[in-house]
Amino acid sequence: MLLVAITGTAGFHYIEHWSWFDGFYMVLTTLTTIGYQEVHPLSQAGRYFNVFVIISGVGLLFLILGALGQALLEFEFNQLFGRRKMERDIARLKGHYIICGAGRVGRAVARQLESKPAQFIILEANEAKAQRIREETKWLVVHADATLEAQLEAARIHDAAGLVAATTTDATNTYIVLTARGMSPELKIIARASEEGAEKHMRTAGADQVISPYSFAGFRIAQAFLRPHIINFLEVALLRNDELGLELEELTIEHNSVYVGKTLQASGIRHDLGITVLAIKREGKEMRYSPEAATILNAGDHLIVMGDPSRLRELEVLAGGRK
């Protein structure tokens, strides 16, 4: 358009000997299709040139307007269908995890849940950050204030398996825990704490577990000096199991599982599947480490096991009572 405007102005100046402003004014009225009368009477050569200006300039202008209209329409459709798809995805959530805050901790939680895979939804108060993460990942990210009951209700908190309060401020996390606990007394809630004193307030508010990234990092660094091989083994087993060929997993014995009522030895978990049971956590009781072969498995028992990933999937099916 700029090139057409410059060419048209120069053409009227040199062909019709008009002033530069008159040439520009003629081009402007032509391209905008206003249709004022000609600035000065045109010669035959000037009319031929004006035909060129009309066809190229007006045609280009309509092309630009059409492209802008198409882009705007596509944007509106994408916004509409994207919103509808998100609403459908949220409506299907059940047994999912709600991550409040899309900071470094929240994103790290999301990556681990995605690798399981497990369903989750992220509530982020910063709209620009929520939009950016949606564009960069396939995660279900909603611009929402997790301190509000209505927003947690929209995230289907009553159907959720757990909630993570992982915003950057302890006060906000404490308020999220308080709100979530009031809405769902049985929900498992884990909170992120930056300051040491915040843990007490979060537990009082209703958090089942409070984790400080800084304390954990300090512990991890110290253990890397004191017990490097143990830390390396756990890291490989938990995060990079492809290197070891083994995986640590936690499974639950359901009431219709074939293992209910059997001893650990009779279950064949070790003999048939080659899986080692490291510990058993029974409701209301302490964790039993390295359980004896005569230990009877009950419904609701949580097994901490280690073995080949494919065999663990088989055990997960049998423990869950699925065929």
C-alpha atoms as a PDB file:
ATOM      1  CA  MET A   1       0.000   0.000   0.000  1.00  0.00           C
ATOM      2  CA  LEU A   2       2.858   2.352   0.756  1.00  0.00           C
ATOM      3  CA  LEU A   3       4.440   1.551  -2.610  1.00  0.00           C
ATOM      4  CA  VAL A   4       1.129   2.199  -4.406  1.00  0.00           C
ATOM      5  CA  ALA A   5       0.710   5.510  -2.565  1.00  0.00           C
ATOM      6  CA  ILE A   6       4.231   6.659  -3.450  1.00  0.00           C
ATOM      7  CA  THR A   7       3.923   5.521  -7.081  1.00  0.00           C
ATOM      8  CA  GLY A   8       0.511   7.175  -7.461  1.00  0.00           C
ATOM      9  CA  THR A   9       1.663  10.472  -5.942  1.00  0.00           C
ATOM     10  CA  ALA A  10       4.744  10.534  -8.182  1.00  0.00           C
ATOM     11  CA  GLY A  11       2.681   9.584 -11.238  1.00  0.00           C
ATOM     12  CA  PHE A  12       0.212  12.448 -10.845  1.00  0.00           C
ATOM     13  CA  HIS A  13       3.086  14.824 -10.118  1.00  0.00           C
ATOM     14  CA  TYR A  14       5.086  13.952 -13.247  1.00  0.00           C
ATOM     15  CA  ILE A  15       2.252  13.082 -15.675  1.00  0.00           C
ATOM     16  CA  GLU A  16      -0.195  15.847 -14.758  1.00  0.00           C
ATOM     17  CA  HIS A  17       2.363  18.246 -13.238  1.00  0.00           C
ATOM     18  CA  TRP A  18       0.341  18.542 -10.033  1.00  0.00           C
ATOM     19  CA  SER A  19       1.879  19.484  -6.708  1.00  0.00           C
ATOM     20  CA  TRP A  20       3.066  16.631  -4.511  1.00  0.00           C
ATOM     21  CA  PHE A  21       0.215  17.254  -2.065  1.00  0.00           C
ATOM     22  CA  ASP A  22      -2.448  17.276  -4.816  1.00  0.00           C
ATOM     23  CA  GLY A  23      -1.062  13.987  -6.130  1.00  0.00           C
ATOM     24  CA  PHE A  24      -1.119  12.450  -2.675  1.00  0.00           C
ATOM     25  CA  TYR A  25      -4.661  13.746  -2.031  1.00  0.00           C
ATOM     26  CA  MET A  26      -5.866  12.216  -5.304  1.00  0.00           C
ATOM     27  CA  VAL A  27      -4.339   8.849  -4.363  1.00  0.00           C
ATOM     28  CA  LEU A  28      -5.850   9.023  -0.876  1.00  0.00           C
ATOM     29  CA  THR A  29      -9.395   9.702  -2.114  1.00  0.00           C
ATOM     30  CA  THR A  30      -9.037   6.931  -4.711  1.00  0.00           C
ATOM     31  CA  LEU A  31      -7.726   4.228  -2.352  1.00  0.00           C
ATOM     32  CA  THR A  32     -10.280   4.973   0.345  1.00  0.00           C
ATOM     33  CA  THR A  33     -13.070   4.835  -2.294  1.00  0.00           C
ATOM     34  CA  ILE A  34     -14.438   8.144  -0.958  1.00  0.00           C
ATOM     35  CA  GLY A  35     -15.093   9.245  -4.539  1.00  0.00           C
ATOM     36  CA  TYR A  36     -14.578  12.992  -4.400  1.00  0.00           C
ATOM     37  CA  GLN A  37     -14.236  14.684  -7.775  1.00  0.00           C
ATOM     38  CA  GLU A  38     -10.791  14.844  -9.361  1.00  0.00           C
ATOM     39  CA  VAL A  39      -8.476  17.443  -7.902  1.00  0.00           C
ATOM     40  CA  HIS A  40      -7.783  18.797 -11.420  1.00  0.00           C
ATOM     41  CA  PRO A  41      -9.069  17.634 -14.806  1.00  0.00           C
ATOM     42  CA  LEU A  42      -7.106  14.604 -15.977  1.00  0.00           C
ATOM     43  CA  SER A  43      -5.500  14.168 -19.371  1.00  0.00           C
ATOM     44  CA  GLN A  44      -5.916  10.916 -21.313  1.00  0.00           C
ATOM     45  CA  ALA A  45      -2.560   9.669 -19.983  1.00  0.00           C
ATOM     46  CA  GLY A  46      -3.614  10.676 -16.464  1.00  0.00           C
ATOM     47  CA  ARG A  47      -6.813   8.671 -16.776  1.00  0.00           C
ATOM     48  CA  TYR A  48      -4.901   5.597 -17.909  1.00  0.00           C
ATOM     49  CA  PHE A  49      -2.607   5.984 -14.933  1.00  0.00           C
ATOM     50  CA  ASN A  50      -5.565   6.484 -12.582  1.00  0.00           C
ATOM     51  CA  VAL A  51      -7.052   3.199 -13.815  1.00  0.00           C
ATOM     52  CA  PHE A  52      -3.820   1.506 -12.705  1.00  0.00           C
ATOM     53  CA  VAL A  53      -4.026   3.215  -9.299  1.00  0.00           C
ATOM     54  CA  ILE A  54      -7.673   2.192  -8.855  1.00  0.00           C
ATOM     55  CA  ILE A  55      -7.191  -1.461  -9.829  1.00  0.00           C
ATOM     56  CA  SER A  56      -3.964  -2.030  -7.892  1.00  0.00           C
ATOM     57  CA  GLY A  57      -4.674   0.172  -4.877  1.00  0.00           C
ATOM     58  CA  VAL A  58      -8.356  -0.555  -4.246  1.00  0.00           C
ATOM     59  CA  GLY A  59      -7.889  -4.260  -5.033  1.00  0.00           C
ATOM     60  CA  LEU A  60      -4.993  -4.449  -2.586  1.00  0.00           C
ATOM     61  CA  LEU A  61      -6.974  -2.574   0.068  1.00  0.00           C
ATOM     62  CA  PHE A  62      -9.895  -5.006  -0.162  1.00  0.00           C
ATOM     63  CA  LEU A  63      -7.434  -7.909  -0.038  1.00  0.00           C
ATOM     64  CA  ILE A  64      -5.926  -6.553   3.182  1.00  0.00           C
ATOM     65  CA  LEU A  65      -9.347  -5.944   4.722  1.00  0.00           C
ATOM     66  CA  GLY A  66     -10.411  -9.472   3.752  1.00  0.00           C
ATOM     67  CA  ALA A  67      -7.289 -10.977   5.308  1.00  0.00           C
ATOM     68  CA  LEU A  68      -7.817  -9.001   8.513  1.00  0.00           C
ATOM     69  CA  GLY A  69     -11.446 -10.075   8.626  1.00  0.00           C
ATOM     70  CA  GLN A  70     -10.476 -13.715   8.113  1.00  0.00           C
ATOM     71  CA  ALA A  71      -7.823 -13.533  10.822  1.00  0.00           C
ATOM     72  CA  LEU A  72     -10.291 -11.948  13.246  1.00  0.00           C
ATOM     73  CA  LEU A  73     -12.939 -14.557  12.434  1.00  0.00           C
ATOM     74  CA  GLU A  74     -10.485 -17.421  12.878  1.00  0.00           C
ATOM     75  CA  PHE A  75      -9.314 -15.916  16.162  1.00  0.00           C
ATOM     76  CA  GLU A  76     -12.890 -15.668  17.430  1.00  0.00           C
ATOM     77  CA  PHE A  77     -13.658 -19.231  16.325  1.00  0.00           C
ATOM     78  CA  ASN A  78     -10.474 -20.539  17.926  1.00  0.00           C
ATOM     79  CA  GLN A  79     -11.322 -18.715  21.140  1.00  0.00           C
ATOM     80  CA  LEU A  80     -14.866 -20.064  21.087  1.00  0.00           C
ATOM     81  CA  PHE A  81     -14.018 -23.666  20.219  1.00  0.00           C
ATOM     82  CA  GLY A  82     -10.974 -23.628  22.501  1.00  0.00           C
ATOM     83  CA  ARG A  83     -13.171 -22.498  25.373  1.00  0.00           C
ATOM     84  CA  ARG A  84     -15.814 -25.099  24.555  1.00  0.00           C
ATOM     85  CA  LYS A  85     -13.177 -27.864  24.360  1.00  0.00           C
ATOM     86  CA  MET A  86     -11.730 -26.801  27.700  1.00  0.00           C
ATOM     87  CA  GLU A  87     -15.188 -26.854  29.272  1.00  0.00           C
ATOM     88  CA  ARG A  88     -15.777 -30.373  27.922  1.00  0.00           C
ATOM     89  CA  ASP A  89     -12.379 -31.547  29.190  1.00  0.00           C
ATOM     90  CA  ILE A  90     -13.088 -30.129  32.649  1.00  0.00           C
ATOM     91  CA  ALA A  91     -16.543 -31.730  32.716  1.00  0.00           C
ATOM     92  CA  ARG A  92     -14.935 -35.151  32.141  1.00  0.00           C
ATOM     93  CA  LEU A  93     -12.461 -34.807  35.018  1.00  0.00           C
ATOM     94  CA  LYS A  94     -12.760 -37.361  37.823  1.00  0.00           C
ATOM     95  CA  GLY A  95     -10.091 -38.608  40.204  1.00  0.00           C
ATOM     96  CA  HIS A  96      -7.879 -35.771  38.984  1.00  0.00           C
ATOM     97  CA  TYR A  97      -5.433 -33.443  40.705  1.00  0.00           C
ATOM     98  CA  ILE A  98      -5.826 -29.686  41.033  1.00  0.00           C
ATOM     99  CA  ILE A  99      -2.570 -27.725  40.829  1.00  0.00           C
ATOM    100  CA  CYS A 100      -2.945 -24.187  42.144  1.00  0.00           C
ATOM    101  CA  GLY A 101      -0.167 -22.075  40.660  1.00  0.00           C
ATOM    102  CA  ALA A 102       1.840 -22.562  37.475  1.00  0.00           C
ATOM    103  CA  GLY A 103       5.217 -21.533  38.820  1.00  0.00           C
ATOM    104  CA  ARG A 104       8.306 -23.752  38.784  1.00  0.00           C
ATOM    105  CA  VAL A 105       6.960 -26.069  41.487  1.00  0.00           C
ATOM    106  CA  GLY A 106       3.511 -26.313  39.919  1.00  0.00           C
ATOM    107  CA  ARG A 107       4.950 -27.079  36.481  1.00  0.00           C
ATOM    108  CA  ALA A 108       7.284 -29.709  37.964  1.00  0.00           C
ATOM    109  CA  VAL A 109       4.280 -31.406  39.609  1.00  0.00           C
ATOM    110  CA  ALA A 110       2.411 -31.277  36.301  1.00  0.00           C
ATOM    111  CA  ARG A 111       5.290 -32.925  34.423  1.00  0.00           C
ATOM    112  CA  GLN A 112       5.426 -35.792  36.920  1.00  0.00           C
ATOM    113  CA  LEU A 113       1.663 -36.324  36.778  1.00  0.00           C
ATOM    114  CA  GLU A 114       1.777 -36.200  32.979  1.00  0.00           C
ATOM    115  CA  SER A 115       4.415 -38.944  32.920  1.00  0.00           C
ATOM    116  CA  LYS A 116       2.213 -41.296  35.009  1.00  0.00           C
ATOM    117  CA  PRO A 117      -0.144 -40.407  33.213  1.00  0.00           C
ATOM    118  CA  ALA A 118      -2.678 -38.851  35.580  1.00  0.00           C
ATOM    119  CA  GLN A 119      -5.395 -36.291  34.963  1.00  0.00           C
ATOM    120  CA  PHE A 120      -4.794 -32.801  36.321  1.00  0.00           C
ATOM    121  CA  ILE A 121      -5.916 -29.214  35.926  1.00  0.00           C
ATOM    122  CA  ILE A 122      -3.822 -26.113  36.644  1.00  0.00           C
ATOM    123  CA  LEU A 123      -5.384 -22.955  38.100  1.00  0.00           C
ATOM    124  CA  GLU A 124      -3.227 -19.884  37.428  1.00  0.00           C
ATOM    125  CA  ALA A 125      -4.159 -16.362  38.530  1.00  0.00           C
ATOM    126  CA  ASN A 126      -1.940 -14.685  35.927  1.00  0.00           C
ATOM    127  CA  GLU A 127      -3.828 -14.728  32.631  1.00  0.00           C
ATOM    128  CA  ALA A 128      -0.745 -14.148  30.442  1.00  0.00           C
ATOM    129  CA  LYS A 129       1.132 -17.014  32.105  1.00  0.00           C
ATOM    130  CA  ALA A 130      -1.874 -19.328  31.803  1.00  0.00           C
ATOM    131  CA  GLN A 131      -2.179 -18.523  28.090  1.00  0.00           C
ATOM    132  CA  ARG A 132       1.538 -19.060  27.487  1.00  0.00           C
ATOM    133  CA  ILE A 133       1.564 -22.466  29.184  1.00  0.00           C
ATOM    134  CA  ARG A 134      -1.525 -23.536  27.219  1.00  0.00           C
ATOM    135  CA  GLU A 135       0.290 -22.660  23.990  1.00  0.00           C
ATOM    136  CA  GLU A 136       3.525 -24.421  24.998  1.00  0.00           C
ATOM    137  CA  THR A 137       1.962 -27.629  26.372  1.00  0.00           C
ATOM    138  CA  LYS A 138      -1.141 -29.786  26.066  1.00  0.00           C
ATOM    139  CA  TRP A 139      -2.016 -29.219  29.713  1.00  0.00           C
ATOM    140  CA  LEU A 140      -5.429 -28.135  30.929  1.00  0.00           C
ATOM    141  CA  VAL A 141      -4.650 -24.662  32.275  1.00  0.00           C
ATOM    142  CA  VAL A 142      -7.370 -22.268  33.432  1.00  0.00           C
ATOM    143  CA  HIS A 143      -7.066 -18.607  34.323  1.00  0.00           C
ATOM    144  CA  ALA A 144      -8.575 -18.709  37.809  1.00  0.00           C
ATOM    145  CA  ASP A 145      -8.068 -17.551  41.385  1.00  0.00           C
ATOM    146  CA  ALA A 146      -7.776 -20.727  43.455  1.00  0.00           C
ATOM    147  CA  THR A 147      -8.613 -18.878  46.680  1.00  0.00           C
ATOM    148  CA  LEU A 148     -12.231 -18.538  45.495  1.00  0.00           C
ATOM    149  CA  GLU A 149     -14.709 -21.329  46.164  1.00  0.00           C
ATOM    150  CA  ALA A 150     -16.432 -20.810  42.804  1.00  0.00           C
ATOM    151  CA  GLN A 151     -13.169 -21.394  40.931  1.00  0.00           C
ATOM    152  CA  LEU A 152     -12.410 -24.572  42.868  1.00  0.00           C
ATOM    153  CA  GLU A 153     -15.972 -25.713  42.292  1.00  0.00           C
ATOM    154  CA  ALA A 154     -15.505 -25.144  38.549  1.00  0.00           C
ATOM    155  CA  ALA A 155     -12.345 -27.303  38.724  1.00  0.00           C
ATOM    156  CA  ARG A 156     -14.544 -30.122  40.134  1.00  0.00           C
ATOM    157  CA  ILE A 157     -12.894 -30.219  43.536  1.00  0.00           C
ATOM    158  CA  HIS A 158     -15.493 -32.699  44.868  1.00  0.00           C
ATOM    159  CA  ASP A 159     -14.403 -35.252  42.233  1.00  0.00           C
ATOM    160  CA  ALA A 160     -10.666 -34.597  42.666  1.00  0.00           C
ATOM    161  CA  ALA A 161      -8.152 -37.029  44.147  1.00  0.00           C
ATOM    162  CA  GLY A 162      -5.884 -34.307  45.479  1.00  0.00           C
ATOM    163  CA  LEU A 163      -4.957 -30.633  45.465  1.00  0.00           C
ATOM    164  CA  VAL A 164      -1.562 -28.935  45.385  1.00  0.00           C
ATOM    165  CA  ALA A 165      -1.227 -25.388  46.698  1.00  0.00           C
ATOM    166  CA  ALA A 166       1.901 -24.312  44.829  1.00  0.00           C
ATOM    167  CA  THR A 167       1.665 -20.549  44.393  1.00  0.00           C
ATOM    168  CA  THR A 168       4.693 -18.389  45.154  1.00  0.00           C
ATOM    169  CA  THR A 169       3.414 -16.927  48.447  1.00  0.00           C
ATOM    170  CA  ASP A 170       2.779 -18.771  51.697  1.00  0.00           C
ATOM    171  CA  ALA A 171      -0.217 -16.579  52.571  1.00  0.00           C
ATOM    172  CA  THR A 172      -1.975 -17.464  49.315  1.00  0.00           C
ATOM    173  CA  ASN A 173      -1.206 -21.164  49.735  1.00  0.00           C
ATOM    174  CA  THR A 174      -2.555 -21.101  53.286  1.00  0.00           C
ATOM    175  CA  TYR A 175      -5.780 -19.471  52.108  1.00  0.00           C
ATOM    176  CA  ILE A 176      -6.129 -21.999  49.281  1.00  0.00           C
ATOM    177  CA  VAL A 177      -5.705 -24.865  51.766  1.00  0.00           C
ATOM    178  CA  LEU A 178      -8.270 -23.316  54.106  1.00  0.00           C
ATOM    179  CA  THR A 179     -10.807 -22.849  51.300  1.00  0.00           C
ATOM    180  CA  ALA A 180     -10.253 -26.296  49.790  1.00  0.00           C
ATOM    181  CA  ARG A 181     -10.452 -28.072  53.156  1.00  0.00           C
ATOM    182  CA  GLY A 182     -13.730 -26.348  53.954  1.00  0.00           C
ATOM    183  CA  MET A 183     -15.183 -27.497  50.626  1.00  0.00           C
ATOM    184  CA  SER A 184     -13.850 -31.064  50.673  1.00  0.00           C
ATOM    185  CA  PRO A 185     -12.960 -32.465  54.125  1.00  0.00           C
ATOM    186  CA  GLU A 186     -11.655 -35.785  52.720  1.00  0.00           C
ATOM    187  CA  LEU A 187      -9.496 -34.333  49.931  1.00  0.00           C
ATOM    188  CA  LYS A 188      -5.749 -34.910  50.140  1.00  0.00           C
ATOM    189  CA  ILE A 189      -4.032 -31.516  50.159  1.00  0.00           C
ATOM    190  CA  ILE A 190      -0.306 -30.888  49.781  1.00  0.00           C
ATOM    191  CA  ALA A 191       1.052 -27.361  50.155  1.00  0.00           C
ATOM    192  CA  ARG A 192       4.283 -25.641  49.196  1.00  0.00           C
ATOM    193  CA  ALA A 193       5.933 -23.541  51.909  1.00  0.00           C
ATOM    194  CA  SER A 194       8.785 -21.088  51.492  1.00  0.00           C
ATOM    195  CA  GLU A 195       9.239 -20.001  55.105  1.00  0.00           C
ATOM    196  CA  GLU A 196       9.787 -22.458  57.951  1.00  0.00           C
ATOM    197  CA  GLY A 197       7.097 -20.855  60.098  1.00  0.00           C
ATOM    198  CA  ALA A 198       4.448 -21.261  57.426  1.00  0.00           C
ATOM    199  CA  GLU A 199       4.252 -25.039  57.783  1.00  0.00           C
ATOM    200  CA  LYS A 200       2.416 -24.840  61.121  1.00  0.00           C
ATOM    201  CA  HIS A 201      -0.207 -22.451  59.720  1.00  0.00           C
ATOM    202  CA  MET A 202      -0.775 -24.596  56.631  1.00  0.00           C
ATOM    203  CA  ARG A 203      -1.249 -27.745  58.678  1.00  0.00           C
ATOM    204  CA  THR A 204      -3.662 -25.874  60.948  1.00  0.00           C
ATOM    205  CA  ALA A 205      -5.548 -24.739  57.839  1.00  0.00           C
ATOM    206  CA  GLY A 206      -5.940 -28.372  56.803  1.00  0.00           C
ATOM    207  CA  ALA A 207      -2.933 -29.411  54.699  1.00  0.00           C
ATOM    208  CA  ASP A 208      -2.132 -33.130  54.913  1.00  0.00           C
ATOM    209  CA  GLN A 209       1.465 -32.516  53.965  1.00  0.00           C
ATOM    210  CA  VAL A 210       3.661 -29.423  53.643  1.00  0.00           C
ATOM    211  CA  ILE A 211       6.800 -29.460  51.531  1.00  0.00           C
ATOM    212  CA  SER A 212       9.482 -26.804  51.387  1.00  0.00           C
ATOM    213  CA  PRO A 213      11.473 -26.889  48.118  1.00  0.00           C
ATOM    214  CA  TYR A 214      14.390 -25.207  49.865  1.00  0.00           C
ATOM    215  CA  SER A 215      14.529 -27.677  52.771  1.00  0.00           C
ATOM    216  CA  PHE A 216      14.219 -30.588  50.366  1.00  0.00           C
ATOM    217  CA  ALA A 217      16.983 -29.200  48.152  1.00  0.00           C
ATOM    218  CA  GLY A 218      19.241 -28.784  51.192  1.00  0.00           C
ATOM    219  CA  PHE A 219      18.533 -32.355  52.299  1.00  0.00           C
ATOM    220  CA  ARG A 220      19.195 -33.652  48.777  1.00  0.00           C
ATOM    221  CA  ILE A 221      22.533 -31.835  48.535  1.00  0.00           C
ATOM    222  CA  ALA A 222      23.692 -33.051  51.960  1.00  0.00           C
ATOM    223  CA  GLN A 223      22.742 -36.657  51.168  1.00  0.00           C
ATOM    224  CA  ALA A 224      24.568 -36.426  47.838  1.00  0.00           C
ATOM    225  CA  PHE A 225      27.735 -35.925  49.922  1.00  0.00           C
ATOM    226  CA  LEU A 226      26.950 -38.407  52.685  1.00  0.00           C
ATOM    227  CA  ARG A 227      25.152 -41.216  50.790  1.00  0.00           C
ATOM    228  CA  PRO A 228      25.853 -40.617  47.108  1.00  0.00           C
ATOM    229  CA  HIS A 229      25.145 -44.164  45.917  1.00  0.00           C
ATOM    230  CA  ILE A 230      21.799 -44.426  47.714  1.00  0.00           C
ATOM    231  CA  ILE A 231      20.698 -41.055  46.339  1.00  0.00           C
ATOM    232  CA  ASN A 232      21.845 -42.011  42.862  1.00  0.00           C
ATOM    233  CA  PHE A 233      19.936 -45.303  43.050  1.00  0.00           C
ATOM    234  CA  LEU A 234      16.723 -43.611  44.196  1.00  0.00           C
ATOM    235  CA  GLU A 235      17.044 -40.908  41.574  1.00  0.00           C
ATOM    236  CA  VAL A 236      17.476 -43.436  38.795  1.00  0.00           C
ATOM    237  CA  ALA A 237      14.630 -45.622  40.093  1.00  0.00           C
ATOM    238  CA  LEU A 238      12.222 -42.719  40.501  1.00  0.00           C
ATOM    239  CA  LEU A 239      13.141 -40.399  37.643  1.00  0.00           C
ATOM    240  CA  ARG A 240      15.182 -42.339  35.085  1.00  0.00           C
ATOM    241  CA  ASN A 241      13.967 -45.941  35.372  1.00  0.00           C
ATOM    242  CA  ASP A 242      14.893 -46.673  31.736  1.00  0.00           C
ATOM    243  CA  GLU A 243      18.561 -46.616  32.735  1.00  0.00           C
ATOM    244  CA  LEU A 244      18.085 -49.140  35.541  1.00  0.00           C
ATOM    245  CA  GLY A 245      15.356 -51.312  34.070  1.00  0.00           C
ATOM    246  CA  LEU A 246      13.553 -51.017  37.412  1.00  0.00           C
ATOM    247  CA  GLU A 247      10.854 -48.770  38.769  1.00  0.00           C
ATOM    248  CA  LEU A 248       9.549 -47.884  42.197  1.00  0.00           C
ATOM    249  CA  GLU A 249       5.775 -47.816  42.428  1.00  0.00           C
ATOM    250  CA  GLU A 250       2.979 -47.550  44.985  1.00  0.00           C
ATOM    251  CA  LEU A 251      -0.064 -49.765  44.418  1.00  0.00           C
ATOM    252  CA  THR A 252      -3.288 -50.297  46.355  1.00  0.00           C
ATOM    253  CA  ILE A 253      -4.946 -53.672  46.954  1.00  0.00           C
ATOM    254  CA  GLU A 254      -8.623 -53.197  46.055  1.00  0.00           C
ATOM    255  CA  HIS A 255     -11.429 -55.154  47.717  1.00  0.00           C
ATOM    256  CA  ASN A 256     -12.036 -57.329  44.611  1.00  0.00           C
ATOM    257  CA  SER A 257      -8.359 -58.102  44.005  1.00  0.00           C
ATOM    258  CA  VAL A 258      -7.201 -61.717  43.742  1.00  0.00           C
ATOM    259  CA  TYR A 259      -4.602 -60.955  46.415  1.00  0.00           C
ATOM    260  CA  VAL A 260      -7.059 -60.187  49.232  1.00  0.00           C
ATOM    261  CA  GLY A 261      -6.668 -62.724  52.034  1.00  0.00           C
ATOM    262  CA  LYS A 262      -3.530 -64.308  50.607  1.00  0.00           C
ATOM    263  CA  THR A 263      -0.123 -64.269  52.200  1.00  0.00           C
ATOM    264  CA  LEU A 264       2.670 -62.410  50.479  1.00  0.00           C
ATOM    265  CA  GLN A 265       4.313 -65.723  49.594  1.00  0.00           C
ATOM    266  CA  ALA A 266       1.107 -67.288  48.225  1.00  0.00           C
ATOM    267  CA  SER A 267       0.338 -64.223  46.128  1.00  0.00           C
ATOM    268  CA  GLY A 268       3.248 -64.996  43.790  1.00  0.00           C
ATOM    269  CA  ILE A 269       4.192 -61.326  43.510  1.00  0.00           C
ATOM    270  CA  ARG A 270       7.842 -62.163  44.047  1.00  0.00           C
ATOM    271  CA  HIS A 271       7.980 -65.643  42.499  1.00  0.00           C
ATOM    272  CA  ASP A 272       5.721 -65.174  39.463  1.00  0.00           C
ATOM    273  CA  LEU A 273       6.233 -61.489  38.623  1.00  0.00           C
ATOM    274  CA  GLY A 274       9.743 -60.960  39.974  1.00  0.00           C
ATOM    275  CA  ILE A 275       8.633 -57.912  41.947  1.00  0.00           C
ATOM    276  CA  THR A 276      10.034 -57.033  45.352  1.00  0.00           C
ATOM    277  CA  VAL A 277       7.655 -55.712  48.001  1.00  0.00           C
ATOM    278  CA  LEU A 278       9.683 -53.173  49.966  1.00  0.00           C
ATOM    279  CA  ALA A 279       6.985 -52.065  52.385  1.00  0.00           C
ATOM    280  CA  ILE A 280       3.284 -52.281  53.221  1.00  0.00           C
ATOM    281  CA  LYS A 281       1.268 -49.356  54.576  1.00  0.00           C
ATOM    282  CA  ARG A 282      -1.984 -50.368  56.251  1.00  0.00           C
ATOM    283  CA  GLU A 283      -4.646 -47.807  57.160  1.00  0.00           C
ATOM    284  CA  GLY A 284      -4.175 -46.547  60.708  1.00  0.00           C
ATOM    285  CA  LYS A 285      -0.905 -48.424  61.187  1.00  0.00           C
ATOM    286  CA  GLU A 286       2.791 -47.755  60.780  1.00  0.00           C
ATOM    287  CA  MET A 287       4.605 -48.597  57.569  1.00  0.00           C
ATOM    288  CA  ARG A 288       5.947 -52.195  57.640  1.00  0.00           C
ATOM    289  CA  TYR A 289       9.290 -52.394  55.886  1.00  0.00           C
ATOM    290  CA  SER A 290      10.579 -55.623  54.309  1.00  0.00           C
ATOM    291  CA  PRO A 291       7.406 -57.555  55.254  1.00  0.00           C
ATOM    292  CA  GLU A 292       7.628 -61.275  56.016  1.00  0.00           C
ATOM    293  CA  ALA A 293       6.425 -63.894  53.522  1.00  0.00           C
ATOM    294  CA  ALA A 294       3.599 -64.836  55.910  1.00  0.00           C
ATOM    295  CA  THR A 295       2.134 -61.310  55.894  1.00  0.00           C
ATOM    296  CA  ILE A 296      -1.534 -61.442  54.835  1.00  0.00           C
ATOM    297  CA  LEU A 297      -2.642 -58.915  52.241  1.00  0.00           C
ATOM    298  CA  ASN A 298      -5.833 -57.009  53.020  1.00  0.00           C
ATOM    299  CA  ALA A 299      -8.039 -54.734  50.940  1.00  0.00           C
ATOM    300  CA  GLY A 300      -6.829 -51.165  51.226  1.00  0.00           C
ATOM    301  CA  ASP A 301      -3.171 -52.096  51.770  1.00  0.00           C
ATOM    302  CA  HIS A 302      -0.700 -49.853  49.991  1.00  0.00           C
ATOM    303  CA  LEU A 303       2.302 -51.728  48.593  1.00  0.00           C
ATOM    304  CA  ILE A 304       5.642 -50.068  47.923  1.00  0.00           C
ATOM    305  CA  VAL A 305       7.138 -52.273  45.218  1.00  0.00           C
ATOM    306  CA  MET A 306      10.112 -52.340  42.876  1.00  0.00           C
ATOM    307  CA  GLY A 307      10.488 -54.255  39.645  1.00  0.00           C
ATOM    308  CA  ASP A 308      10.392 -54.290  35.879  1.00  0.00           C
ATOM    309  CA  PRO A 309       7.988 -51.574  34.585  1.00  0.00           C
ATOM    310  CA  SER A 310       6.007 -53.994  32.397  1.00  0.00           C
ATOM    311  CA  ARG A 311       5.601 -56.436  35.289  1.00  0.00           C
ATOM    312  CA  LEU A 312       4.501 -53.589  37.540  1.00  0.00           C
ATOM    313  CA  ARG A 313       1.702 -52.797  35.069  1.00  0.00           C
ATOM    314  CA  GLU A 314       0.551 -56.437  35.382  1.00  0.00           C
ATOM    315  CA  LEU A 315       0.625 -56.189  39.170  1.00  0.00           C
ATOM    316  CA  GLU A 316      -1.337 -52.927  39.023  1.00  0.00           C
ATOM    317  CA  VAL A 317      -4.105 -54.689  37.078  1.00  0.00           C
ATOM    318  CA  LEU A 318      -4.242 -57.642  39.484  1.00  0.00           C
ATOM    319  CA  ALA A 319      -4.089 -55.453  42.589  1.00  0.00           C
ATOM    320  CA  GLY A 320      -6.849 -53.264  41.204  1.00  0.00           C
ATOM    321  CA  GLY A 321      -9.153 -56.213  40.634  1.00  0.00           C
ATOM    322  CA  ARG A 322      -9.155 -55.694  36.855  1.00  0.00           C
ATOM    323  CA  LYS A 323      -8.824 -58.496  34.323  1.00  0.00           C
END
